[in-house]
PDB file of all heavy atoms in Angstrom:
ATOM      1  N   THR A   1     -15.868  -1.163  61.758  1.00  0.00           N
ATOM      2  CA  THR A   1     -14.878  -1.597  60.782  1.00  0.00           C
ATOM      3  C   THR A   1     -15.573  -1.823  59.452  1.00  0.00           C
ATOM      4  O   THR A   1     -16.677  -2.364  59.405  1.00  0.00           O
ATOM      5  CB  THR A   1     -14.202  -2.910  61.233  1.00  0.00           C
ATOM      6  OG1 THR A   1     -13.458  -2.656  62.440  1.00  0.00           O
ATOM      7  CG2 THR A   1     -13.254  -3.445  60.172  1.00  0.00           C
ATOM      8  N   VAL A   2     -14.942  -1.383  58.368  1.00  0.00           N
ATOM      9  CA  VAL A   2     -15.504  -1.548  57.030  1.00  0.00           C
ATOM     10  C   VAL A   2     -14.556  -2.426  56.219  1.00  0.00           C
ATOM     11  O   VAL A   2     -13.355  -2.131  56.122  1.00  0.00           O
ATOM     12  CB  VAL A   2     -15.711  -0.192  56.334  1.00  0.00           C
ATOM     13  CG1 VAL A   2     -16.246  -0.386  54.915  1.00  0.00           C
ATOM     14  CG2 VAL A   2     -16.663   0.691  57.141  1.00  0.00           C
ATOM     15  N   THR A   3     -15.101  -3.496  55.637  1.00  0.00           N
ATOM     16  CA  THR A   3     -14.294  -4.472  54.909  1.00  0.00           C
ATOM     17  C   THR A   3     -14.872  -4.689  53.513  1.00  0.00           C
ATOM     18  O   THR A   3     -16.096  -4.813  53.359  1.00  0.00           O
ATOM     19  CB  THR A   3     -14.270  -5.824  55.661  1.00  0.00           C
ATOM     20  OG1 THR A   3     -13.870  -5.611  57.016  1.00  0.00           O
ATOM     21  CG2 THR A   3     -13.320  -6.800  54.983  1.00  0.00           C
ATOM     22  N   ALA A   4     -14.016  -4.728  52.504  1.00  0.00           N
ATOM     23  CA  ALA A   4     -14.474  -4.982  51.136  1.00  0.00           C
ATOM     24  C   ALA A   4     -14.948  -6.427  51.012  1.00  0.00           C
ATOM     25  O   ALA A   4     -14.263  -7.352  51.442  1.00  0.00           O
ATOM     26  CB  ALA A   4     -13.348  -4.711  50.150  1.00  0.00           C
ATOM     27  N   MET A   5     -16.134  -6.619  50.429  1.00  0.00           N
ATOM     28  CA  MET A   5     -16.678  -7.955  50.235  1.00  0.00           C
ATOM     29  C   MET A   5     -16.310  -8.523  48.869  1.00  0.00           C
ATOM     30  O   MET A   5     -16.517  -9.708  48.602  1.00  0.00           O
ATOM     31  CB  MET A   5     -18.197  -7.927  50.384  1.00  0.00           C
ATOM     32  CG  MET A   5     -18.686  -7.487  51.745  1.00  0.00           C
ATOM     33  SD  MET A   5     -20.488  -7.529  51.854  1.00  0.00           S
ATOM     34  CE  MET A   5     -20.792  -9.287  51.703  1.00  0.00           C
ATOM     35  N   MET A   6     -15.802  -7.660  48.001  1.00  0.00           N
ATOM     36  CA  MET A   6     -15.400  -8.037  46.656  1.00  0.00           C
ATOM     37  C   MET A   6     -14.407  -6.982  46.195  1.00  0.00           C
ATOM     38  O   MET A   6     -14.125  -6.033  46.936  1.00  0.00           O
ATOM     39  CB  MET A   6     -16.626  -8.064  45.728  1.00  0.00           C
ATOM     40  CG  MET A   6     -17.379  -6.737  45.685  1.00  0.00           C
ATOM     41  SD  MET A   6     -19.004  -6.825  44.893  1.00  0.00           S
ATOM     42  CE  MET A   6     -18.539  -7.306  43.247  1.00  0.00           C
ATOM     43  N   GLU A   7     -13.844  -7.148  45.019  1.00  0.00           N
ATOM     44  CA  GLU A   7     -12.942  -6.114  44.509  1.00  0.00           C
ATOM     45  C   GLU A   7     -13.718  -4.803  44.391  1.00  0.00           C
ATOM     46  O   GLU A   7     -14.767  -4.744  43.752  1.00  0.00           O
ATOM     47  CB  GLU A   7     -12.374  -6.524  43.156  1.00  0.00           C
ATOM     48  CG  GLU A   7     -11.383  -7.675  43.254  1.00  0.00           C
ATOM     49  CD  GLU A   7     -10.697  -7.952  41.926  1.00  0.00           C
ATOM     50  OE1 GLU A   7     -11.005  -7.257  40.938  1.00  0.00           O
ATOM     51  OE2 GLU A   7      -9.858  -8.860  41.880  1.00  0.00           O
ATOM     52  N   SER A   8     -13.203  -3.754  45.028  1.00  0.00           N
ATOM     53  CA  SER A   8     -13.930  -2.489  45.112  1.00  0.00           C
ATOM     54  C   SER A   8     -13.016  -1.313  44.840  1.00  0.00           C
ATOM     55  O   SER A   8     -11.806  -1.382  45.088  1.00  0.00           O
ATOM     56  CB  SER A   8     -14.563  -2.325  46.508  1.00  0.00           C
ATOM     57  OG  SER A   8     -15.410  -3.413  46.822  1.00  0.00           O
ATOM     58  N   VAL A   9     -13.606  -0.241  44.331  1.00  0.00           N
ATOM     59  CA  VAL A   9     -12.896   1.023  44.149  1.00  0.00           C
ATOM     60  C   VAL A   9     -13.592   2.048  45.037  1.00  0.00           C
ATOM     61  O   VAL A   9     -14.793   2.301  44.889  1.00  0.00           O
ATOM     62  CB  VAL A   9     -12.910   1.489  42.685  1.00  0.00           C
ATOM     63  CG1 VAL A   9     -12.191   2.835  42.553  1.00  0.00           C
ATOM     64  CG2 VAL A   9     -12.261   0.451  41.789  1.00  0.00           C
ATOM     65  N   ILE A  10     -12.840   2.607  45.964  1.00  0.00           N
ATOM     66  CA  ILE A  10     -13.406   3.510  46.966  1.00  0.00           C
ATOM     67  C   ILE A  10     -12.629   4.812  46.977  1.00  0.00           C
ATOM     68  O   ILE A  10     -11.398   4.814  46.944  1.00  0.00           O
ATOM     69  CB  ILE A  10     -13.378   2.848  48.361  1.00  0.00           C
ATOM     70  CG1 ILE A  10     -14.248   1.583  48.339  1.00  0.00           C
ATOM     71  CG2 ILE A  10     -13.859   3.814  49.438  1.00  0.00           C
ATOM     72  CD1 ILE A  10     -14.168   0.755  49.590  1.00  0.00           C
ATOM     73  N   VAL A  11     -13.356   5.920  47.017  1.00  0.00           N
ATOM     74  CA  VAL A  11     -12.744   7.248  47.025  1.00  0.00           C
ATOM     75  C   VAL A  11     -12.694   7.769  48.455  1.00  0.00           C
ATOM     76  O   VAL A  11     -13.700   7.761  49.166  1.00  0.00           O
ATOM     77  CB  VAL A  11     -13.546   8.229  46.141  1.00  0.00           C
ATOM     78  CG1 VAL A  11     -12.929   9.621  46.184  1.00  0.00           C
ATOM     79  CG2 VAL A  11     -13.603   7.725  44.705  1.00  0.00           C
ATOM     80  N   ARG A  12     -11.529   8.212  48.861  1.00  0.00           N
ATOM     81  CA  ARG A  12     -11.350   8.823  50.183  1.00  0.00           C
ATOM     82  C   ARG A  12     -11.406  10.343  50.027  1.00  0.00           C
ATOM     83  O   ARG A  12     -10.645  10.930  49.254  1.00  0.00           O
ATOM     84  CB  ARG A  12     -10.003   8.423  50.788  1.00  0.00           C
ATOM     85  CG  ARG A  12      -9.705   9.099  52.126  1.00  0.00           C
ATOM     86  CD  ARG A  12      -8.269   8.813  52.570  1.00  0.00           C
ATOM     87  NE  ARG A  12      -7.917   9.597  53.733  1.00  0.00           N
ATOM     88  CZ  ARG A  12      -8.012   9.171  54.992  1.00  0.00           C
ATOM     89  NH1 ARG A  12      -8.433   7.941  55.223  1.00  0.00           N
ATOM     90  NH2 ARG A  12      -7.673   9.948  56.000  1.00  0.00           N
ATOM     91  N   LEU A  13     -12.319  10.975  50.747  1.00  0.00           N
ATOM     92  CA  LEU A  13     -12.490  12.426  50.703  1.00  0.00           C
ATOM     93  C   LEU A  13     -12.121  13.006  52.061  1.00  0.00           C
ATOM     94  O   LEU A  13     -12.801  12.731  53.056  1.00  0.00           O
ATOM     95  CB  LEU A  13     -13.946  12.771  50.355  1.00  0.00           C
ATOM     96  CG  LEU A  13     -14.404  12.325  48.966  1.00  0.00           C
ATOM     97  CD1 LEU A  13     -15.917  12.197  48.923  1.00  0.00           C
ATOM     98  CD2 LEU A  13     -13.935  13.317  47.923  1.00  0.00           C
ATOM     99  N   GLU A  14     -11.039  13.749  52.099  1.00  0.00           N
ATOM    100  CA  GLU A  14     -10.623  14.348  53.365  1.00  0.00           C
ATOM    101  C   GLU A  14     -11.732  15.236  53.922  1.00  0.00           C
ATOM    102  O   GLU A  14     -12.485  15.869  53.175  1.00  0.00           O
ATOM    103  CB  GLU A  14      -9.350  15.165  53.164  1.00  0.00           C
ATOM    104  CG  GLU A  14      -8.138  14.355  52.739  1.00  0.00           C
ATOM    105  CD  GLU A  14      -7.722  13.337  53.795  1.00  0.00           C
ATOM    106  OE1 GLU A  14      -7.983  13.572  55.001  1.00  0.00           O
ATOM    107  OE2 GLU A  14      -7.141  12.306  53.420  1.00  0.00           O
ATOM    108  N   LYS A  15     -11.829  15.269  55.241  1.00  0.00           N
ATOM    109  CA  LYS A  15     -12.895  16.020  55.909  1.00  0.00           C
ATOM    110  C   LYS A  15     -12.944  17.469  55.439  1.00  0.00           C
ATOM    111  O   LYS A  15     -14.015  18.005  55.134  1.00  0.00           O
ATOM    112  CB  LYS A  15     -12.694  15.958  57.426  1.00  0.00           C
ATOM    113  CG  LYS A  15     -13.735  16.712  58.219  1.00  0.00           C
ATOM    114  CD  LYS A  15     -13.473  16.580  59.711  1.00  0.00           C
ATOM    115  CE  LYS A  15     -14.471  17.419  60.516  1.00  0.00           C
ATOM    116  NZ  LYS A  15     -14.210  17.312  61.981  1.00  0.00           N
ATOM    117  N   ALA A  16     -11.802  18.126  55.362  1.00  0.00           N
ATOM    118  CA  ALA A  16     -11.771  19.538  54.960  1.00  0.00           C
ATOM    119  C   ALA A  16     -12.308  19.721  53.542  1.00  0.00           C
ATOM    120  O   ALA A  16     -13.042  20.686  53.268  1.00  0.00           O
ATOM    121  CB  ALA A  16     -10.346  20.073  55.051  1.00  0.00           C
ATOM    122  N   ALA A  17     -11.993  18.779  52.655  1.00  0.00           N
ATOM    123  CA  ALA A  17     -12.432  18.896  51.264  1.00  0.00           C
ATOM    124  C   ALA A  17     -13.937  18.749  51.145  1.00  0.00           C
ATOM    125  O   ALA A  17     -14.602  19.508  50.430  1.00  0.00           O
ATOM    126  CB  ALA A  17     -11.724  17.845  50.406  1.00  0.00           C
ATOM    127  N   ILE A  18     -14.511  17.780  51.859  1.00  0.00           N
ATOM    128  CA  ILE A  18     -15.948  17.565  51.735  1.00  0.00           C
ATOM    129  C   ILE A  18     -16.743  18.656  52.450  1.00  0.00           C
ATOM    130  O   ILE A  18     -17.812  19.064  51.993  1.00  0.00           O
ATOM    131  CB  ILE A  18     -16.344  16.148  52.230  1.00  0.00           C
ATOM    132  CG1 ILE A  18     -17.744  15.799  51.702  1.00  0.00           C
ATOM    133  CG2 ILE A  18     -16.290  16.036  53.722  1.00  0.00           C
ATOM    134  CD1 ILE A  18     -18.094  14.332  51.852  1.00  0.00           C
ATOM    135  N   VAL A  19     -16.210  19.180  53.557  1.00  0.00           N
ATOM    136  CA  VAL A  19     -16.873  20.308  54.230  1.00  0.00           C
ATOM    137  C   VAL A  19     -16.905  21.518  53.310  1.00  0.00           C
ATOM    138  O   VAL A  19     -17.926  22.216  53.194  1.00  0.00           O
ATOM    139  CB  VAL A  19     -16.152  20.649  55.554  1.00  0.00           C
ATOM    140  CG1 VAL A  19     -16.636  21.998  56.089  1.00  0.00           C
ATOM    141  CG2 VAL A  19     -16.402  19.566  56.601  1.00  0.00           C
ATOM    142  N   ARG A  20     -15.807  21.750  52.619  1.00  0.00           N
ATOM    143  CA  ARG A  20     -15.730  22.892  51.710  1.00  0.00           C
ATOM    144  C   ARG A  20     -16.736  22.773  50.573  1.00  0.00           C
ATOM    145  O   ARG A  20     -17.456  23.731  50.253  1.00  0.00           O
ATOM    146  CB  ARG A  20     -14.315  23.020  51.153  1.00  0.00           C
ATOM    147  CG  ARG A  20     -14.133  24.224  50.226  1.00  0.00           C
ATOM    148  CD  ARG A  20     -12.675  24.429  49.846  1.00  0.00           C
ATOM    149  NE  ARG A  20     -12.138  23.330  49.065  1.00  0.00           N
ATOM    150  CZ  ARG A  20     -11.280  22.431  49.530  1.00  0.00           C
ATOM    151  NH1 ARG A  20     -10.868  22.470  50.780  1.00  0.00           N
ATOM    152  NH2 ARG A  20     -10.825  21.460  48.737  1.00  0.00           N
ATOM    153  N   VAL A  21     -16.822  21.601  49.973  1.00  0.00           N
ATOM    154  CA  VAL A  21     -17.723  21.452  48.831  1.00  0.00           C
ATOM    155  C   VAL A  21     -19.184  21.463  49.266  1.00  0.00           C
ATOM    156  O   VAL A  21     -20.067  21.924  48.541  1.00  0.00           O
ATOM    157  CB  VAL A  21     -17.374  20.181  48.030  1.00  0.00           C
ATOM    158  CG1 VAL A  21     -17.890  18.922  48.707  1.00  0.00           C
ATOM    159  CG2 VAL A  21     -17.910  20.271  46.616  1.00  0.00           C
ATOM    160  N   ILE A  22     -19.482  20.980  50.468  1.00  0.00           N
ATOM    161  CA  ILE A  22     -20.855  21.062  50.991  1.00  0.00           C
ATOM    162  C   ILE A  22     -21.273  22.518  51.139  1.00  0.00           C
ATOM    163  O   ILE A  22     -22.408  22.900  50.815  1.00  0.00           O
ATOM    164  CB  ILE A  22     -20.966  20.319  52.341  1.00  0.00           C
ATOM    165  CG1 ILE A  22     -20.931  18.799  52.113  1.00  0.00           C
ATOM    166  CG2 ILE A  22     -22.250  20.711  53.075  1.00  0.00           C
ATOM    167  CD1 ILE A  22     -20.867  17.991  53.390  1.00  0.00           C
ATOM    168  N   ARG A  23     -20.354  23.357  51.605  1.00  0.00           N
ATOM    169  CA  ARG A  23     -20.656  24.773  51.811  1.00  0.00           C
ATOM    170  C   ARG A  23     -20.746  25.549  50.503  1.00  0.00           C
ATOM    171  O   ARG A  23     -21.550  26.478  50.383  1.00  0.00           O
ATOM    172  CB  ARG A  23     -19.581  25.401  52.703  1.00  0.00           C
ATOM    173  CG  ARG A  23     -19.617  24.927  54.154  1.00  0.00           C
ATOM    174  CD  ARG A  23     -18.430  25.466  54.928  1.00  0.00           C
ATOM    175  NE  ARG A  23     -18.490  25.089  56.338  1.00  0.00           N
ATOM    176  CZ  ARG A  23     -17.496  25.270  57.204  1.00  0.00           C
ATOM    177  NH1 ARG A  23     -16.353  25.837  56.789  1.00  0.00           N
ATOM    178  NH2 ARG A  23     -17.632  24.905  58.463  1.00  0.00           N
ATOM    179  N   GLN A  24     -19.954  25.151  49.521  1.00  0.00           N
ATOM    180  CA  GLN A  24     -19.835  25.954  48.306  1.00  0.00           C
ATOM    181  C   GLN A  24     -20.676  25.460  47.128  1.00  0.00           C
ATOM    182  O   GLN A  24     -20.963  26.242  46.218  1.00  0.00           O
ATOM    183  CB  GLN A  24     -18.359  26.006  47.883  1.00  0.00           C
ATOM    184  CG  GLN A  24     -17.459  26.707  48.883  1.00  0.00           C
ATOM    185  CD  GLN A  24     -15.995  26.680  48.470  1.00  0.00           C
ATOM    186  OE1 GLN A  24     -15.625  26.041  47.471  1.00  0.00           O
ATOM    187  NE2 GLN A  24     -15.144  27.372  49.226  1.00  0.00           N
ATOM    188  N   GLN A  25     -21.072  24.197  47.145  1.00  0.00           N
ATOM    189  CA  GLN A  25     -21.736  23.634  45.970  1.00  0.00           C
ATOM    190  C   GLN A  25     -23.107  23.056  46.340  1.00  0.00           C
ATOM    191  O   GLN A  25     -23.208  21.949  46.885  1.00  0.00           O
ATOM    192  CB  GLN A  25     -20.860  22.548  45.330  1.00  0.00           C
ATOM    193  CG  GLN A  25     -19.495  23.030  44.885  1.00  0.00           C
ATOM    194  CD  GLN A  25     -19.592  24.036  43.737  1.00  0.00           C
ATOM    195  OE1 GLN A  25     -20.625  24.182  43.094  1.00  0.00           O
ATOM    196  NE2 GLN A  25     -18.498  24.752  43.488  1.00  0.00           N
TER     197      GLN A  25
END
């Protein structure tokens, strides 16, 4: 479980999107 310890801004990257960019960039 991951819990924010303070006010945080977090980016969610869908699995398909990050797999694609790992392969292409």
